[in-house]
Amino acid sequence: MKRCSFLMLLSAFILSLALPIAASAQGRPEVWSGTVVDVNGDPIPGVAVFTGLGADGVITDENGNWFLSTTEGTDIQFSCLGYELVVIKAGSPALKRVVLKDDSQIIESAVVTALGIKRDEKSIGYSAQKIESEKFASSATTGNWLNGMSGQVAGLNIDRSSSPNGSMRVTVRGESSASLENNTALFVVDGVPMYNTSTASDTGEGSSYNIDYGNGTAD
């Protein structure tokens, strides 16, 4: 009887030590990875992969691959404009190959926010404007797609250099910094910020002015 009691106490002691270790291991973040493809098996770049628990989120690369650190059992969401939202728990074998189905119906009312995450236009707390592709038809004759945005968005100001192929300054709702570069709008293409710094060079030794060779938005 004493031996049984001793064994029971020993088992309880070992169990009390093991439980915190197991709980700690269960809540430890792990790195999960996979590939996002469409119904045809083609990789989808620019898909927002996030947990919804905070700022954690990544974008799939050109091959549809992604890596994300989170705890097992957490809901991982896959969002991309024109596709249905997919939610899979971390640890599921389905994460290795995530298939997104077309959802063309949401394109009319969806707004792309940070990390390419789709939101209903009425659900966001700020103003969002869109320009139809037909509005860019004028850029075919003027040589730059930004000209198609001129006068189409409230608060958007586009200034072009007088030199051929010169820089184009794009500001939204006025100037907020003494530095001209800090006032320019940020362009994000397929989840990648565009390098939009102006490129200039002097004309040679003893020159007193620079030549404007343009910037990213002028290309």
N, C-alpha and C. Protein backbone atom coordinates (compact mmCIF):
# COMPACT_ATOMS: atom_id res chain seq x y z
N MET A 1 0.83 -1.20 0.00
CA MET A 1 0.00 0.00 0.00
C MET A 1 0.87 1.25 0.00
N LYS A 2 1.92 1.23 0.83
CA LYS A 2 2.82 2.37 0.89
C LYS A 2 3.52 2.56 -0.45
N ARG A 3 3.86 1.39 -1.09
CA ARG A 3 4.55 1.47 -2.37
C ARG A 3 3.64 2.09 -3.43
N CYS A 4 2.36 1.71 -3.42
CA CYS A 4 1.39 2.26 -4.37
C CYS A 4 1.23 3.77 -4.16
N SER A 5 1.16 4.17 -2.88
CA SER A 5 1.03 5.60 -2.58
C SER A 5 2.25 6.38 -3.05
N PHE A 6 3.43 5.77 -2.86
CA PHE A 6 4.65 6.43 -3.30
C PHE A 6 4.67 6.58 -4.82
N LEU A 7 4.24 5.52 -5.53
CA LEU A 7 4.22 5.57 -6.99
C LEU A 7 3.21 6.60 -7.49
N MET A 8 2.08 6.72 -6.80
CA MET A 8 1.07 7.70 -7.19
C MET A 8 1.59 9.12 -6.99
N LEU A 9 2.29 9.35 -5.87
CA LEU A 9 2.85 10.67 -5.62
C LEU A 9 3.94 11.01 -6.63
N LEU A 10 4.75 9.99 -6.97
CA LEU A 10 5.82 10.20 -7.94
C LEU A 10 5.24 10.52 -9.32
N SER A 11 4.18 9.80 -9.69
CA SER A 11 3.53 10.05 -10.99
C SER A 11 2.92 11.44 -11.05
N ALA A 12 2.30 11.84 -9.93
CA ALA A 12 1.69 13.17 -9.88
C ALA A 12 2.74 14.26 -9.98
N PHE A 13 3.91 14.01 -9.34
CA PHE A 13 4.99 14.99 -9.39
C PHE A 13 5.53 15.13 -10.82
N ILE A 14 5.75 13.99 -11.48
CA ILE A 14 6.26 14.02 -12.86
C ILE A 14 5.26 14.69 -13.79
N LEU A 15 3.97 14.40 -13.58
CA LEU A 15 2.93 15.00 -14.41
C LEU A 15 2.87 16.51 -14.23
N SER A 16 3.07 16.96 -12.98
CA SER A 16 3.04 18.41 -12.72
C SER A 16 4.19 19.13 -13.39
N LEU A 17 5.32 18.42 -13.56
CA LEU A 17 6.45 19.01 -14.27
C LEU A 17 6.25 19.00 -15.77
N ALA A 18 5.58 17.98 -16.28
CA ALA A 18 5.42 17.82 -17.72
C ALA A 18 4.38 18.76 -18.30
N LEU A 19 3.33 19.07 -17.54
CA LEU A 19 2.24 19.90 -18.06
C LEU A 19 2.69 21.29 -18.48
N PRO A 20 3.47 22.01 -17.64
CA PRO A 20 3.92 23.34 -18.09
C PRO A 20 4.80 23.28 -19.33
N ILE A 21 5.63 22.22 -19.43
CA ILE A 21 6.49 22.08 -20.60
C ILE A 21 5.66 21.86 -21.84
N ALA A 22 4.64 21.02 -21.74
CA ALA A 22 3.76 20.75 -22.88
C ALA A 22 2.99 21.99 -23.28
N ALA A 23 2.53 22.73 -22.28
CA ALA A 23 1.77 23.95 -22.57
C ALA A 23 2.65 24.99 -23.23
N SER A 24 3.91 25.06 -22.77
CA SER A 24 4.84 26.01 -23.36
C SER A 24 5.15 25.65 -24.80
N ALA A 25 5.33 24.35 -25.06
CA ALA A 25 5.62 23.90 -26.42
C ALA A 25 4.44 24.13 -27.34
N GLN A 26 3.22 23.98 -26.82
CA GLN A 26 2.03 24.15 -27.62
C GLN A 26 1.85 25.60 -28.06
N GLY A 27 2.24 26.56 -27.24
CA GLY A 27 2.06 27.96 -27.57
C GLY A 27 3.26 28.59 -28.23
N ARG A 28 4.26 27.80 -28.59
CA ARG A 28 5.47 28.34 -29.20
C ARG A 28 5.25 28.53 -30.69
N PRO A 29 5.57 29.71 -31.25
CA PRO A 29 5.40 29.95 -32.69
C PRO A 29 6.28 29.03 -33.52
N GLU A 30 5.76 28.59 -34.64
CA GLU A 30 6.51 27.79 -35.59
C GLU A 30 6.41 28.45 -36.96
N VAL A 31 7.35 28.09 -37.84
CA VAL A 31 7.34 28.64 -39.19
C VAL A 31 6.60 27.68 -40.12
N TRP A 32 5.55 28.20 -40.75
CA TRP A 32 4.75 27.41 -41.69
C TRP A 32 4.99 27.96 -43.10
N SER A 33 4.90 27.08 -44.07
CA SER A 33 5.16 27.50 -45.45
C SER A 33 4.30 26.70 -46.41
N GLY A 34 4.23 27.20 -47.62
CA GLY A 34 3.44 26.51 -48.64
C GLY A 34 3.43 27.30 -49.94
N THR A 35 2.55 26.90 -50.84
CA THR A 35 2.41 27.53 -52.15
C THR A 35 0.94 27.81 -52.42
N VAL A 36 0.66 28.96 -53.00
CA VAL A 36 -0.71 29.33 -53.36
C VAL A 36 -0.84 29.26 -54.88
N VAL A 37 -1.84 28.52 -55.36
CA VAL A 37 -2.07 28.35 -56.79
C VAL A 37 -3.54 28.59 -57.10
N ASP A 38 -3.85 28.74 -58.40
CA ASP A 38 -5.24 28.86 -58.82
C ASP A 38 -5.77 27.48 -59.19
N VAL A 39 -7.00 27.43 -59.71
CA VAL A 39 -7.62 26.14 -60.02
C VAL A 39 -6.90 25.42 -61.15
N ASN A 40 -6.11 26.14 -61.93
CA ASN A 40 -5.34 25.52 -63.01
C ASN A 40 -3.96 25.06 -62.56
N GLY A 41 -3.64 25.31 -61.30
CA GLY A 41 -2.34 24.91 -60.78
C GLY A 41 -1.24 25.93 -60.98
N ASP A 42 -1.58 27.10 -61.51
CA ASP A 42 -0.58 28.15 -61.72
C ASP A 42 -0.37 28.94 -60.43
N PRO A 43 0.89 29.26 -60.08
CA PRO A 43 1.15 30.01 -58.84
C PRO A 43 0.56 31.41 -58.91
N ILE A 44 0.13 31.92 -57.75
CA ILE A 44 -0.45 33.27 -57.68
C ILE A 44 0.47 34.16 -56.84
N PRO A 45 1.15 35.12 -57.45
CA PRO A 45 1.97 36.06 -56.67
C PRO A 45 1.12 37.15 -56.06
N GLY A 46 1.62 37.78 -54.99
CA GLY A 46 0.93 38.91 -54.40
C GLY A 46 -0.26 38.58 -53.53
N VAL A 47 -0.39 37.32 -53.11
CA VAL A 47 -1.49 36.93 -52.22
C VAL A 47 -1.14 37.33 -50.79
N ALA A 48 -2.06 37.98 -50.10
CA ALA A 48 -1.85 38.36 -48.71
C ALA A 48 -2.09 37.15 -47.81
N VAL A 49 -1.08 36.79 -47.01
CA VAL A 49 -1.18 35.67 -46.07
C VAL A 49 -1.01 36.25 -44.68
N PHE A 50 -2.04 36.15 -43.85
CA PHE A 50 -2.01 36.79 -42.54
C PHE A 50 -2.86 36.00 -41.55
N THR A 51 -2.65 36.29 -40.26
CA THR A 51 -3.36 35.57 -39.20
C THR A 51 -4.55 36.33 -38.66
N GLY A 52 -4.58 37.62 -38.82
CA GLY A 52 -5.67 38.41 -38.28
C GLY A 52 -5.51 38.72 -36.81
N LEU A 53 -4.36 38.33 -36.21
CA LEU A 53 -4.11 38.56 -34.79
C LEU A 53 -3.34 39.85 -34.54
N GLY A 54 -2.96 40.52 -35.59
CA GLY A 54 -2.17 41.74 -35.43
C GLY A 54 -1.54 42.12 -36.75
N ALA A 55 -0.26 42.50 -36.67
CA ALA A 55 0.43 42.97 -37.87
C ALA A 55 1.11 41.84 -38.63
N ASP A 56 0.98 40.59 -38.15
CA ASP A 56 1.63 39.47 -38.81
C ASP A 56 1.02 39.27 -40.19
N GLY A 57 1.87 39.27 -41.21
CA GLY A 57 1.38 39.04 -42.56
C GLY A 57 2.51 39.07 -43.56
N VAL A 58 2.36 38.31 -44.64
CA VAL A 58 3.36 38.27 -45.70
C VAL A 58 2.64 38.27 -47.04
N ILE A 59 3.42 38.40 -48.11
CA ILE A 59 2.91 38.36 -49.48
C ILE A 59 3.61 37.23 -50.22
N THR A 60 2.86 36.45 -51.00
CA THR A 60 3.47 35.37 -51.76
C THR A 60 4.40 35.95 -52.83
N ASP A 61 5.49 35.23 -53.11
CA ASP A 61 6.44 35.70 -54.11
C ASP A 61 5.95 35.35 -55.52
N GLU A 62 6.80 35.55 -56.51
CA GLU A 62 6.40 35.33 -57.90
C GLU A 62 6.06 33.87 -58.20
N ASN A 63 6.52 32.96 -57.36
CA ASN A 63 6.21 31.54 -57.53
C ASN A 63 5.08 31.08 -56.62
N GLY A 64 4.44 32.02 -55.93
CA GLY A 64 3.33 31.68 -55.05
C GLY A 64 3.75 31.14 -53.70
N ASN A 65 5.04 31.18 -53.38
CA ASN A 65 5.54 30.64 -52.12
C ASN A 65 5.40 31.66 -50.99
N TRP A 66 5.23 31.15 -49.77
CA TRP A 66 5.09 32.02 -48.60
C TRP A 66 5.65 31.34 -47.36
N PHE A 67 6.05 32.13 -46.37
CA PHE A 67 6.52 31.66 -45.07
C PHE A 67 5.90 32.56 -44.01
N LEU A 68 5.38 31.96 -42.93
CA LEU A 68 4.73 32.73 -41.87
C LEU A 68 4.95 32.05 -40.53
N SER A 69 5.29 32.84 -39.51
CA SER A 69 5.50 32.31 -38.16
C SER A 69 4.28 32.57 -37.30
N THR A 70 3.70 31.50 -36.76
CA THR A 70 2.55 31.61 -35.85
C THR A 70 2.40 30.30 -35.09
N THR A 71 1.53 30.28 -34.11
CA THR A 71 1.33 29.09 -33.29
C THR A 71 0.38 28.11 -33.98
N GLU A 72 0.54 26.84 -33.66
CA GLU A 72 -0.29 25.80 -34.25
C GLU A 72 -1.75 26.00 -33.84
N GLY A 73 -2.64 25.81 -34.80
CA GLY A 73 -4.06 25.97 -34.55
C GLY A 73 -4.59 27.35 -34.88
N THR A 74 -3.69 28.30 -35.17
CA THR A 74 -4.12 29.65 -35.53
C THR A 74 -4.69 29.67 -36.94
N ASP A 75 -5.74 30.43 -37.15
CA ASP A 75 -6.33 30.56 -38.49
C ASP A 75 -5.42 31.41 -39.37
N ILE A 76 -4.99 30.85 -40.50
CA ILE A 76 -4.20 31.58 -41.49
C ILE A 76 -5.10 31.89 -42.67
N GLN A 77 -5.18 33.17 -43.03
CA GLN A 77 -6.07 33.60 -44.10
C GLN A 77 -5.29 33.92 -45.36
N PHE A 78 -5.88 33.58 -46.50
CA PHE A 78 -5.27 33.83 -47.80
C PHE A 78 -6.23 34.71 -48.59
N SER A 79 -5.78 35.92 -48.92
CA SER A 79 -6.66 36.90 -49.56
C SER A 79 -5.99 37.50 -50.78
N CYS A 80 -6.76 37.57 -51.88
CA CYS A 80 -6.26 38.18 -53.10
C CYS A 80 -7.45 38.69 -53.90
N LEU A 81 -7.31 39.87 -54.47
CA LEU A 81 -8.40 40.47 -55.23
C LEU A 81 -8.77 39.59 -56.42
N GLY A 82 -10.06 39.28 -56.54
CA GLY A 82 -10.53 38.44 -57.63
C GLY A 82 -10.63 36.97 -57.26
N TYR A 83 -10.24 36.62 -56.02
CA TYR A 83 -10.31 35.23 -55.55
C TYR A 83 -11.06 35.16 -54.24
N GLU A 84 -11.63 34.00 -53.96
CA GLU A 84 -12.34 33.79 -52.71
C GLU A 84 -11.36 33.70 -51.54
N LEU A 85 -11.77 34.21 -50.39
CA LEU A 85 -10.94 34.13 -49.18
C LEU A 85 -10.88 32.68 -48.70
N VAL A 86 -9.68 32.24 -48.35
CA VAL A 86 -9.47 30.88 -47.83
C VAL A 86 -8.86 30.98 -46.44
N VAL A 87 -9.40 30.22 -45.50
CA VAL A 87 -8.90 30.20 -44.12
C VAL A 87 -8.53 28.76 -43.76
N ILE A 88 -7.28 28.54 -43.35
CA ILE A 88 -6.78 27.21 -42.99
C ILE A 88 -6.03 27.32 -41.67
N LYS A 89 -6.21 26.35 -40.79
CA LYS A 89 -5.52 26.37 -39.50
C LYS A 89 -4.06 25.95 -39.66
N ALA A 90 -3.19 26.64 -38.91
CA ALA A 90 -1.77 26.29 -38.90
C ALA A 90 -1.60 24.87 -38.39
N GLY A 91 -0.84 24.08 -39.13
CA GLY A 91 -0.65 22.68 -38.79
C GLY A 91 -1.39 21.75 -39.73
N SER A 92 -2.33 22.29 -40.50
CA SER A 92 -3.09 21.47 -41.44
C SER A 92 -2.24 21.13 -42.66
N PRO A 93 -2.32 19.89 -43.16
CA PRO A 93 -1.57 19.52 -44.38
C PRO A 93 -1.99 20.34 -45.59
N ALA A 94 -3.18 20.93 -45.54
CA ALA A 94 -3.68 21.71 -46.68
C ALA A 94 -2.86 22.98 -46.91
N LEU A 95 -2.04 23.38 -45.94
CA LEU A 95 -1.24 24.59 -46.10
C LEU A 95 -0.16 24.44 -47.17
N LYS A 96 0.26 23.22 -47.42
CA LYS A 96 1.34 23.00 -48.38
C LYS A 96 0.96 23.46 -49.79
N ARG A 97 -0.32 23.29 -50.13
CA ARG A 97 -0.79 23.69 -51.46
C ARG A 97 -2.19 24.28 -51.32
N VAL A 98 -2.27 25.60 -51.31
CA VAL A 98 -3.54 26.30 -51.13
C VAL A 98 -4.08 26.70 -52.49
N VAL A 99 -5.31 26.31 -52.77
CA VAL A 99 -5.94 26.61 -54.06
C VAL A 99 -6.99 27.71 -53.87
N LEU A 100 -6.83 28.80 -54.61
CA LEU A 100 -7.80 29.90 -54.57
C LEU A 100 -8.70 29.83 -55.79
N LYS A 101 -9.99 29.95 -55.56
CA LYS A 101 -10.98 29.93 -56.64
C LYS A 101 -11.35 31.35 -57.05
N ASP A 102 -11.66 31.52 -58.33
CA ASP A 102 -12.05 32.83 -58.84
C ASP A 102 -13.33 33.31 -58.16
N ASP A 103 -13.37 34.62 -57.93
CA ASP A 103 -14.56 35.25 -57.36
C ASP A 103 -14.70 36.63 -57.98
N SER A 104 -15.05 36.66 -59.26
CA SER A 104 -15.09 37.92 -60.00
C SER A 104 -16.18 38.85 -59.51
N GLN A 105 -17.16 38.35 -58.77
CA GLN A 105 -18.27 39.19 -58.33
C GLN A 105 -17.83 40.25 -57.32
N ILE A 106 -16.75 40.01 -56.58
CA ILE A 106 -16.34 40.95 -55.53
C ILE A 106 -15.52 42.11 -56.06
N ILE A 107 -15.09 42.04 -57.32
CA ILE A 107 -14.19 43.07 -57.83
C ILE A 107 -14.86 44.44 -57.87
N GLU A 108 -16.16 44.49 -58.14
CA GLU A 108 -16.84 45.76 -58.28
C GLU A 108 -16.89 46.55 -56.98
N SER A 109 -17.02 45.86 -55.83
CA SER A 109 -17.22 46.56 -54.57
C SER A 109 -16.05 46.43 -53.61
N ALA A 110 -14.97 45.76 -54.02
CA ALA A 110 -13.85 45.52 -53.11
C ALA A 110 -12.83 46.64 -53.19
N VAL A 111 -12.16 46.88 -52.06
CA VAL A 111 -11.08 47.86 -51.99
C VAL A 111 -9.85 47.14 -51.46
N VAL A 112 -8.71 47.33 -52.12
CA VAL A 112 -7.46 46.70 -51.69
C VAL A 112 -6.78 47.62 -50.69
N THR A 113 -6.53 47.11 -49.47
CA THR A 113 -5.89 47.89 -48.42
C THR A 113 -4.47 47.37 -48.21
N ALA A 114 -3.90 47.60 -47.03
CA ALA A 114 -2.53 47.18 -46.74
C ALA A 114 -2.35 45.68 -46.93
N LEU A 115 -1.18 45.30 -47.46
CA LEU A 115 -0.83 43.91 -47.72
C LEU A 115 -1.73 43.26 -48.76
N GLY A 116 -2.47 44.05 -49.53
CA GLY A 116 -3.33 43.50 -50.56
C GLY A 116 -4.59 42.86 -50.03
N ILE A 117 -4.94 43.12 -48.77
CA ILE A 117 -6.12 42.52 -48.16
C ILE A 117 -7.37 43.20 -48.69
N LYS A 118 -8.37 42.40 -49.09
CA LYS A 118 -9.61 42.93 -49.62
C LYS A 118 -10.55 43.33 -48.49
N ARG A 119 -11.21 44.46 -48.66
CA ARG A 119 -12.22 44.91 -47.73
C ARG A 119 -13.39 45.48 -48.52
N ASP A 120 -14.60 45.29 -48.00
CA ASP A 120 -15.75 45.91 -48.62
C ASP A 120 -15.63 47.42 -48.51
N GLU A 121 -15.97 48.12 -49.57
CA GLU A 121 -15.78 49.57 -49.60
C GLU A 121 -16.51 50.28 -48.47
N LYS A 122 -17.65 49.74 -48.04
CA LYS A 122 -18.43 50.37 -46.99
C LYS A 122 -17.88 50.08 -45.59
N SER A 123 -17.00 49.07 -45.48
CA SER A 123 -16.52 48.66 -44.16
C SER A 123 -15.28 49.41 -43.70
N ILE A 124 -14.57 50.08 -44.63
CA ILE A 124 -13.35 50.79 -44.25
C ILE A 124 -13.71 52.16 -43.71
N GLY A 125 -12.87 52.69 -42.84
CA GLY A 125 -13.17 53.96 -42.18
C GLY A 125 -12.57 55.17 -42.85
N TYR A 126 -12.27 55.07 -44.14
CA TYR A 126 -11.70 56.22 -44.85
C TYR A 126 -12.18 56.21 -46.29
N SER A 127 -11.94 57.32 -46.97
CA SER A 127 -12.40 57.46 -48.35
C SER A 127 -11.49 56.70 -49.30
N ALA A 128 -12.08 56.01 -50.25
CA ALA A 128 -11.31 55.27 -51.26
C ALA A 128 -11.90 55.58 -52.63
N GLN A 129 -11.04 55.86 -53.59
CA GLN A 129 -11.49 56.17 -54.93
C GLN A 129 -10.85 55.22 -55.92
N LYS A 130 -11.54 54.98 -57.01
CA LYS A 130 -11.02 54.08 -58.03
C LYS A 130 -11.17 54.73 -59.40
N ILE A 131 -10.31 54.32 -60.33
CA ILE A 131 -10.31 54.85 -61.68
C ILE A 131 -10.49 53.68 -62.64
N GLU A 132 -11.46 53.78 -63.52
CA GLU A 132 -11.69 52.73 -64.50
C GLU A 132 -10.55 52.71 -65.52
N SER A 133 -10.29 51.54 -66.09
CA SER A 133 -9.18 51.40 -67.03
C SER A 133 -9.34 52.28 -68.26
N GLU A 134 -10.60 52.59 -68.63
CA GLU A 134 -10.83 53.42 -69.81
C GLU A 134 -10.25 54.83 -69.62
N LYS A 135 -10.14 55.27 -68.37
CA LYS A 135 -9.63 56.60 -68.10
C LYS A 135 -8.16 56.75 -68.46
N PHE A 136 -7.47 55.61 -68.58
CA PHE A 136 -6.04 55.66 -68.89
C PHE A 136 -5.79 55.67 -70.40
N ALA A 137 -6.85 55.74 -71.19
CA ALA A 137 -6.67 55.71 -72.64
C ALA A 137 -5.84 56.88 -73.14
N SER A 138 -5.94 58.02 -72.44
CA SER A 138 -5.19 59.20 -72.87
C SER A 138 -3.69 59.02 -72.73
N SER A 139 -3.25 58.10 -71.86
CA SER A 139 -1.81 57.91 -71.65
C SER A 139 -1.13 57.34 -72.88
N ALA A 140 -1.91 56.76 -73.80
CA ALA A 140 -1.32 56.21 -75.02
C ALA A 140 -0.77 57.31 -75.92
N THR A 141 -1.36 58.50 -75.86
CA THR A 141 -0.90 59.61 -76.69
C THR A 141 0.05 60.54 -75.94
N THR A 142 -0.07 60.61 -74.63
CA THR A 142 0.78 61.50 -73.85
C THR A 142 2.06 60.83 -73.39
N GLY A 143 2.14 59.50 -73.44
CA GLY A 143 3.38 58.80 -73.14
C GLY A 143 3.57 58.39 -71.71
N ASN A 144 2.62 58.67 -70.81
CA ASN A 144 2.76 58.27 -69.41
C ASN A 144 1.40 57.94 -68.82
N TRP A 145 1.33 56.83 -68.09
CA TRP A 145 0.05 56.39 -67.55
C TRP A 145 -0.49 57.32 -66.47
N LEU A 146 0.41 58.09 -65.82
CA LEU A 146 -0.04 59.00 -64.78
C LEU A 146 -0.91 60.13 -65.33
N ASN A 147 -0.72 60.47 -66.60
CA ASN A 147 -1.54 61.52 -67.19
C ASN A 147 -3.01 61.12 -67.22
N GLY A 148 -3.27 59.82 -67.25
CA GLY A 148 -4.65 59.36 -67.23
C GLY A 148 -5.31 59.55 -65.88
N MET A 149 -4.52 59.78 -64.82
CA MET A 149 -5.07 60.01 -63.49
C MET A 149 -5.31 61.47 -63.19
N SER A 150 -4.77 62.34 -64.03
CA SER A 150 -4.90 63.77 -63.79
C SER A 150 -6.36 64.20 -63.83
N GLY A 151 -6.82 64.83 -62.74
CA GLY A 151 -8.19 65.30 -62.67
C GLY A 151 -9.21 64.24 -62.35
N GLN A 152 -8.77 63.01 -62.06
CA GLN A 152 -9.70 61.91 -61.81
C GLN A 152 -9.87 61.59 -60.33
N VAL A 153 -8.92 62.01 -59.49
CA VAL A 153 -8.95 61.69 -58.07
C VAL A 153 -8.90 62.98 -57.26
N ALA A 154 -9.83 63.15 -56.34
CA ALA A 154 -9.87 64.36 -55.52
C ALA A 154 -8.63 64.45 -54.64
N GLY A 155 -7.99 65.61 -54.61
CA GLY A 155 -6.81 65.83 -53.77
C GLY A 155 -5.51 65.36 -54.37
N LEU A 156 -5.56 64.77 -55.58
CA LEU A 156 -4.34 64.27 -56.22
C LEU A 156 -3.77 65.35 -57.13
N ASN A 157 -2.50 65.71 -56.89
CA ASN A 157 -1.84 66.74 -57.67
C ASN A 157 -0.65 66.15 -58.40
N ILE A 158 -0.59 66.34 -59.72
CA ILE A 158 0.48 65.79 -60.54
C ILE A 158 1.22 66.93 -61.21
N ASP A 159 2.52 67.06 -60.90
CA ASP A 159 3.37 68.10 -61.50
C ASP A 159 4.45 67.42 -62.33
N ARG A 160 4.60 67.89 -63.56
CA ARG A 160 5.60 67.30 -64.44
C ARG A 160 6.70 68.30 -64.75
N SER A 161 7.93 67.79 -64.84
CA SER A 161 9.07 68.63 -65.18
C SER A 161 8.94 69.11 -66.62
N SER A 162 9.51 70.28 -66.90
CA SER A 162 9.45 70.83 -68.26
C SER A 162 10.39 70.12 -69.21
N SER A 163 11.36 69.38 -68.69
CA SER A 163 12.32 68.69 -69.55
C SER A 163 11.71 67.42 -70.11
N PRO A 164 12.11 67.00 -71.31
CA PRO A 164 11.59 65.75 -71.89
C PRO A 164 11.92 64.56 -71.00
N ASN A 165 10.92 63.71 -70.77
CA ASN A 165 11.10 62.51 -69.93
C ASN A 165 11.53 62.87 -68.51
N GLY A 166 11.18 64.05 -68.05
CA GLY A 166 11.55 64.47 -66.70
C GLY A 166 10.68 63.84 -65.63
N SER A 167 11.00 64.16 -64.37
CA SER A 167 10.29 63.58 -63.23
C SER A 167 8.84 64.06 -63.16
N MET A 168 8.02 63.24 -62.51
CA MET A 168 6.64 63.61 -62.24
C MET A 168 6.42 63.53 -60.74
N ARG A 169 6.04 64.67 -60.11
CA ARG A 169 5.76 64.70 -58.68
C ARG A 169 4.28 64.48 -58.46
N VAL A 170 3.97 63.50 -57.62
CA VAL A 170 2.58 63.18 -57.31
C VAL A 170 2.38 63.37 -55.81
N THR A 171 1.52 64.29 -55.44
CA THR A 171 1.22 64.54 -54.03
C THR A 171 -0.27 64.35 -53.78
N VAL A 172 -0.59 63.96 -52.56
CA VAL A 172 -1.98 63.74 -52.18
C VAL A 172 -2.35 64.70 -51.06
N ARG A 173 -3.30 65.57 -51.32
CA ARG A 173 -3.83 66.51 -50.33
C ARG A 173 -2.75 67.40 -49.73
N GLY A 174 -1.94 67.99 -50.61
CA GLY A 174 -1.00 69.02 -50.17
C GLY A 174 0.33 68.51 -49.66
N GLU A 175 1.14 69.46 -49.19
CA GLU A 175 2.48 69.18 -48.70
C GLU A 175 2.45 69.02 -47.18
N SER A 176 3.20 68.05 -46.67
CA SER A 176 3.25 67.82 -45.22
C SER A 176 4.67 67.81 -44.67
N SER A 177 5.66 67.99 -45.54
CA SER A 177 7.06 67.94 -45.11
C SER A 177 7.86 69.00 -45.86
N ALA A 178 8.94 69.49 -45.22
CA ALA A 178 9.81 70.46 -45.88
C ALA A 178 10.63 69.81 -46.97
N SER A 179 10.77 68.48 -46.93
CA SER A 179 11.51 67.75 -47.95
C SER A 179 10.56 67.36 -49.08
N LEU A 180 10.93 67.72 -50.30
CA LEU A 180 10.06 67.42 -51.44
C LEU A 180 9.87 65.93 -51.64
N GLU A 181 10.93 65.14 -51.43
CA GLU A 181 10.84 63.69 -51.63
C GLU A 181 9.87 63.04 -50.65
N ASN A 182 9.77 63.60 -49.43
CA ASN A 182 8.89 63.02 -48.41
C ASN A 182 7.42 63.32 -48.65
N ASN A 183 7.13 64.22 -49.58
CA ASN A 183 5.75 64.57 -49.86
C ASN A 183 5.14 63.74 -50.98
N THR A 184 5.96 63.04 -51.73
CA THR A 184 5.44 62.30 -52.88
C THR A 184 4.64 61.08 -52.45
N ALA A 185 3.67 60.73 -53.27
CA ALA A 185 2.80 59.59 -52.97
C ALA A 185 3.57 58.28 -53.10
N LEU A 186 3.15 57.27 -52.33
CA LEU A 186 3.76 55.95 -52.39
C LEU A 186 2.96 55.08 -53.37
N PHE A 187 3.66 54.50 -54.34
CA PHE A 187 3.04 53.60 -55.30
C PHE A 187 3.44 52.17 -54.95
N VAL A 188 2.45 51.29 -54.86
CA VAL A 188 2.68 49.87 -54.57
C VAL A 188 2.13 49.05 -55.72
N VAL A 189 2.99 48.31 -56.40
CA VAL A 189 2.59 47.50 -57.54
C VAL A 189 2.78 46.03 -57.19
N ASP A 190 1.67 45.28 -57.17
CA ASP A 190 1.70 43.86 -56.80
C ASP A 190 2.38 43.64 -55.45
N GLY A 191 2.10 44.55 -54.51
CA GLY A 191 2.63 44.40 -53.17
C GLY A 191 4.05 44.90 -52.98
N VAL A 192 4.67 45.43 -54.04
CA VAL A 192 6.06 45.89 -53.96
C VAL A 192 6.09 47.41 -54.10
N PRO A 193 6.64 48.15 -53.12
CA PRO A 193 6.74 49.61 -53.24
C PRO A 193 7.64 50.01 -54.41
N MET A 194 7.21 51.02 -55.16
CA MET A 194 7.97 51.48 -56.32
C MET A 194 9.04 52.48 -55.89
N TYR A 195 10.25 52.30 -56.42
CA TYR A 195 11.32 53.26 -56.17
C TYR A 195 11.04 54.49 -57.03
N ASN A 196 10.79 55.62 -56.39
CA ASN A 196 10.30 56.79 -57.12
C ASN A 196 11.15 58.03 -56.88
N THR A 197 12.41 57.86 -56.52
CA THR A 197 13.30 59.00 -56.29
C THR A 197 13.77 59.58 -57.62
N SER A 198 13.78 60.89 -57.71
CA SER A 198 14.21 61.56 -58.94
C SER A 198 15.69 61.33 -59.19
N THR A 199 16.06 61.21 -60.47
CA THR A 199 17.45 61.02 -60.87
C THR A 199 17.92 62.26 -61.61
N ALA A 200 18.98 62.87 -61.12
CA ALA A 200 19.49 64.09 -61.75
C ALA A 200 21.00 64.03 -61.82
N SER A 201 21.56 64.76 -62.77
CA SER A 201 23.01 64.81 -62.92
C SER A 201 23.39 66.17 -63.51
N ASP A 202 24.57 66.68 -63.13
CA ASP A 202 24.98 67.96 -63.71
C ASP A 202 25.46 67.75 -65.14
N THR A 203 25.60 68.85 -65.87
CA THR A 203 25.95 68.78 -67.29
C THR A 203 27.44 68.71 -67.54
N GLY A 204 28.23 68.75 -66.50
CA GLY A 204 29.66 68.67 -66.68
C GLY A 204 30.40 69.60 -65.74
N GLU A 205 31.70 69.65 -65.88
CA GLU A 205 32.51 70.47 -64.99
C GLU A 205 32.17 71.95 -65.17
N GLY A 206 31.96 72.63 -64.06
CA GLY A 206 31.66 74.05 -64.10
C GLY A 206 30.22 74.39 -64.37
N SER A 207 29.35 73.37 -64.49
CA SER A 207 27.94 73.65 -64.77
C SER A 207 27.24 74.13 -63.51
N SER A 208 26.18 74.89 -63.68
CA SER A 208 25.47 75.47 -62.55
C SER A 208 24.07 74.89 -62.37
N TYR A 209 23.68 73.91 -63.17
CA TYR A 209 22.35 73.33 -63.05
C TYR A 209 22.39 71.85 -63.40
N ASN A 210 21.35 71.13 -62.98
CA ASN A 210 21.27 69.69 -63.21
C ASN A 210 20.31 69.36 -64.34
N ILE A 211 20.47 68.17 -64.87
CA ILE A 211 19.53 67.64 -65.85
C ILE A 211 18.65 66.61 -65.16
N ASP A 212 17.35 66.76 -65.33
CA ASP A 212 16.38 65.85 -64.72
C ASP A 212 16.17 64.65 -65.65
N TYR A 213 16.57 63.46 -65.17
CA TYR A 213 16.43 62.25 -65.98
C TYR A 213 15.18 61.45 -65.62
N GLY A 214 14.31 62.02 -64.79
CA GLY A 214 13.06 61.35 -64.49
C GLY A 214 13.11 60.50 -63.23
N ASN A 215 11.97 59.86 -62.93
CA ASN A 215 11.86 58.96 -61.78
C ASN A 215 10.99 57.77 -62.16
N GLY A 216 10.66 56.94 -61.15
CA GLY A 216 9.93 55.71 -61.44
C GLY A 216 8.58 55.92 -62.09
N THR A 217 7.84 56.94 -61.65
CA THR A 217 6.51 57.17 -62.20
C THR A 217 6.55 57.75 -63.60
N ALA A 218 7.68 58.31 -64.00
CA ALA A 218 7.81 58.88 -65.34
C ALA A 218 8.23 57.85 -66.36
N ASP A 219 8.69 56.68 -65.92
CA ASP A 219 9.15 55.64 -66.85
C ASP A 219 7.98 54.97 -67.54
